[in-house]
Protein backbone atom coordinates (compact mmCIF):
# COMPACT_ATOMS: atom_id res chain seq x y z
CA UNK A 1 11.64 -14.15 -3.27
CA UNK A 2 9.34 -11.69 -1.84
CA UNK A 3 6.07 -13.92 -2.18
CA UNK A 4 7.80 -16.39 -0.21
CA UNK A 5 9.45 -14.81 2.19
CA UNK A 6 6.04 -13.07 2.67
CA UNK A 7 4.48 -16.73 2.82
CA UNK A 8 7.11 -17.37 5.86
CA UNK A 9 5.69 -14.40 7.60
CA UNK A 10 2.18 -15.39 7.27
CA UNK A 11 2.81 -18.14 8.70
CA UNK A 12 5.63 -17.84 11.50
CA UNK A 13 4.15 -14.81 12.31
CA UNK A 14 0.12 -14.74 11.60
CA UNK A 15 -0.98 -12.47 9.08
CA UNK A 16 -1.77 -9.21 11.33
CA UNK A 17 1.04 -9.65 12.39
CA UNK A 18 3.09 -5.95 12.24
CA UNK A 19 6.32 -7.28 11.01
CA UNK A 20 4.37 -9.51 8.35
CA UNK A 21 2.28 -6.07 7.55
CA UNK A 22 5.93 -4.74 6.46
CA UNK A 23 7.02 -7.46 4.50
CA UNK A 24 3.02 -7.10 2.28
CA UNK A 25 4.34 -3.06 1.98
CA UNK A 26 7.83 -3.86 0.96
CA UNK A 27 5.99 -5.80 -2.02
CA UNK A 28 2.94 -3.57 -2.90
CA UNK A 29 6.37 -0.40 -3.42
CA UNK A 30 7.89 -2.96 -5.53
CA UNK A 31 5.10 -3.84 -7.97
CA UNK A 32 3.97 -0.56 -7.38
CA UNK A 33 7.52 1.40 -8.25
CA UNK A 34 6.93 -1.75 -11.46
CA UNK A 35 4.26 -0.68 -12.72
CA UNK A 36 2.30 -3.27 -11.55
CA UNK A 37 -0.87 -1.56 -9.72
CA UNK A 38 -3.11 -3.88 -10.27
CA UNK A 39 -0.83 -6.75 -7.81
CA UNK A 40 0.19 -4.09 -5.94
CA UNK A 41 -3.09 -2.19 -4.81
CA UNK A 42 -5.30 -4.93 -2.95
CA UNK A 43 -1.84 -5.73 -0.51
CA UNK A 44 -1.52 -1.79 0.35
CA UNK A 45 -5.17 -1.58 0.75
CA UNK A 46 -4.15 -4.71 2.84
CA UNK A 47 -1.21 -3.21 4.62
CA UNK A 48 -3.07 0.18 5.86
CA UNK A 49 -6.35 -1.73 6.46
CA UNK A 50 -3.26 -3.40 9.04
CA UNK A 51 -0.56 -0.76 10.39
CA UNK A 52 -4.40 1.84 11.06
CA UNK A 53 -5.78 -0.89 13.37
CA UNK A 54 -2.28 -2.29 14.22
CA UNK A 55 -0.78 1.23 15.00
CA UNK A 56 -2.83 3.61 14.48
CA UNK A 57 -3.55 6.60 11.50
CA UNK A 58 -1.16 8.99 13.06
CA UNK A 59 1.69 6.22 13.16
CA UNK A 60 4.47 7.58 10.79
CA UNK A 61 4.05 3.56 8.62
CA UNK A 62 0.79 4.48 7.78
CA UNK A 63 0.86 7.36 6.86
CA UNK A 64 3.38 6.08 4.71
CA UNK A 65 2.08 3.47 3.41
CA UNK A 66 -1.78 5.64 2.79
CA UNK A 67 0.81 8.20 1.01
CA UNK A 68 2.31 5.40 -1.04
CA UNK A 69 -0.78 4.02 -1.92
CA UNK A 70 -2.22 7.08 -2.55
CA UNK A 71 0.39 7.90 -4.89
CA UNK A 72 -0.31 4.34 -7.25
CA UNK A 73 -3.80 5.13 -7.57
CA UNK A 74 -3.39 8.49 -8.96
CA UNK A 75 -0.76 7.22 -11.51
CA UNK A 76 -3.03 4.13 -11.60
CA UNK A 77 -6.15 7.03 -13.03
CA UNK A 78 -3.62 8.89 -15.07
CA UNK A 79 -2.05 5.47 -17.45
CA UNK A 80 -5.78 4.15 -17.11
CA UNK A 81 -6.53 7.77 -18.45
CA UNK A 82 -3.95 7.81 -21.30
CA UNK A 83 -2.54 11.56 -19.40
CA UNK A 84 1.66 11.26 -19.31
CA UNK A 85 1.21 14.66 -16.93
CA UNK A 86 4.71 15.87 -15.89
CA UNK A 87 3.12 17.15 -12.97
CA UNK A 88 4.65 15.26 -9.32
CA UNK A 89 1.92 13.14 -7.74
CA UNK A 90 2.40 12.54 -4.22
CA UNK A 91 0.80 13.56 -0.62
CA UNK A 92 1.89 14.79 1.96
CA UNK A 93 -0.07 18.26 3.16
CA UNK A 94 -1.88 17.50 6.72
CA UNK A 95 -1.76 14.28 6.13
CA UNK A 96 -5.86 13.85 5.46
CA UNK A 97 -6.37 10.52 3.12
CA UNK A 98 -10.01 10.27 2.06
CA UNK A 99 -8.91 6.94 0.99
CA UNK A 100 -11.30 3.69 0.27
CA UNK A 101 -9.77 0.70 2.25
CA UNK A 102 -11.68 -2.43 1.68
CA UNK A 103 -11.64 -5.29 3.92
CA UNK A 104 -13.28 -7.67 1.92
CA UNK A 105 -9.98 -8.81 -1.06
CA UNK A 106 -11.39 -10.69 -2.52
């Protein structure tokens, strides 16, 4: 259902409209919570890149998206390594992000 809603927003508003990006971000977050990291990652990349372009790096929504994407990358790395750390994962601090946001979603 979420993918259909996203397709509808893309048709109605365009792929880079902030409301469409919010749908992309929400779908990425949902997949992230379901531990479907491979599916969530390109959606986070798209949402983060779009938010940075449309809203700027300092916008709270851009920052939240970057934080969630960073968390996904950390969890995915832990999962791939087989680590079962109980340490909390998340980045806030000074909000410095060194994420590589690829424009290539092929």
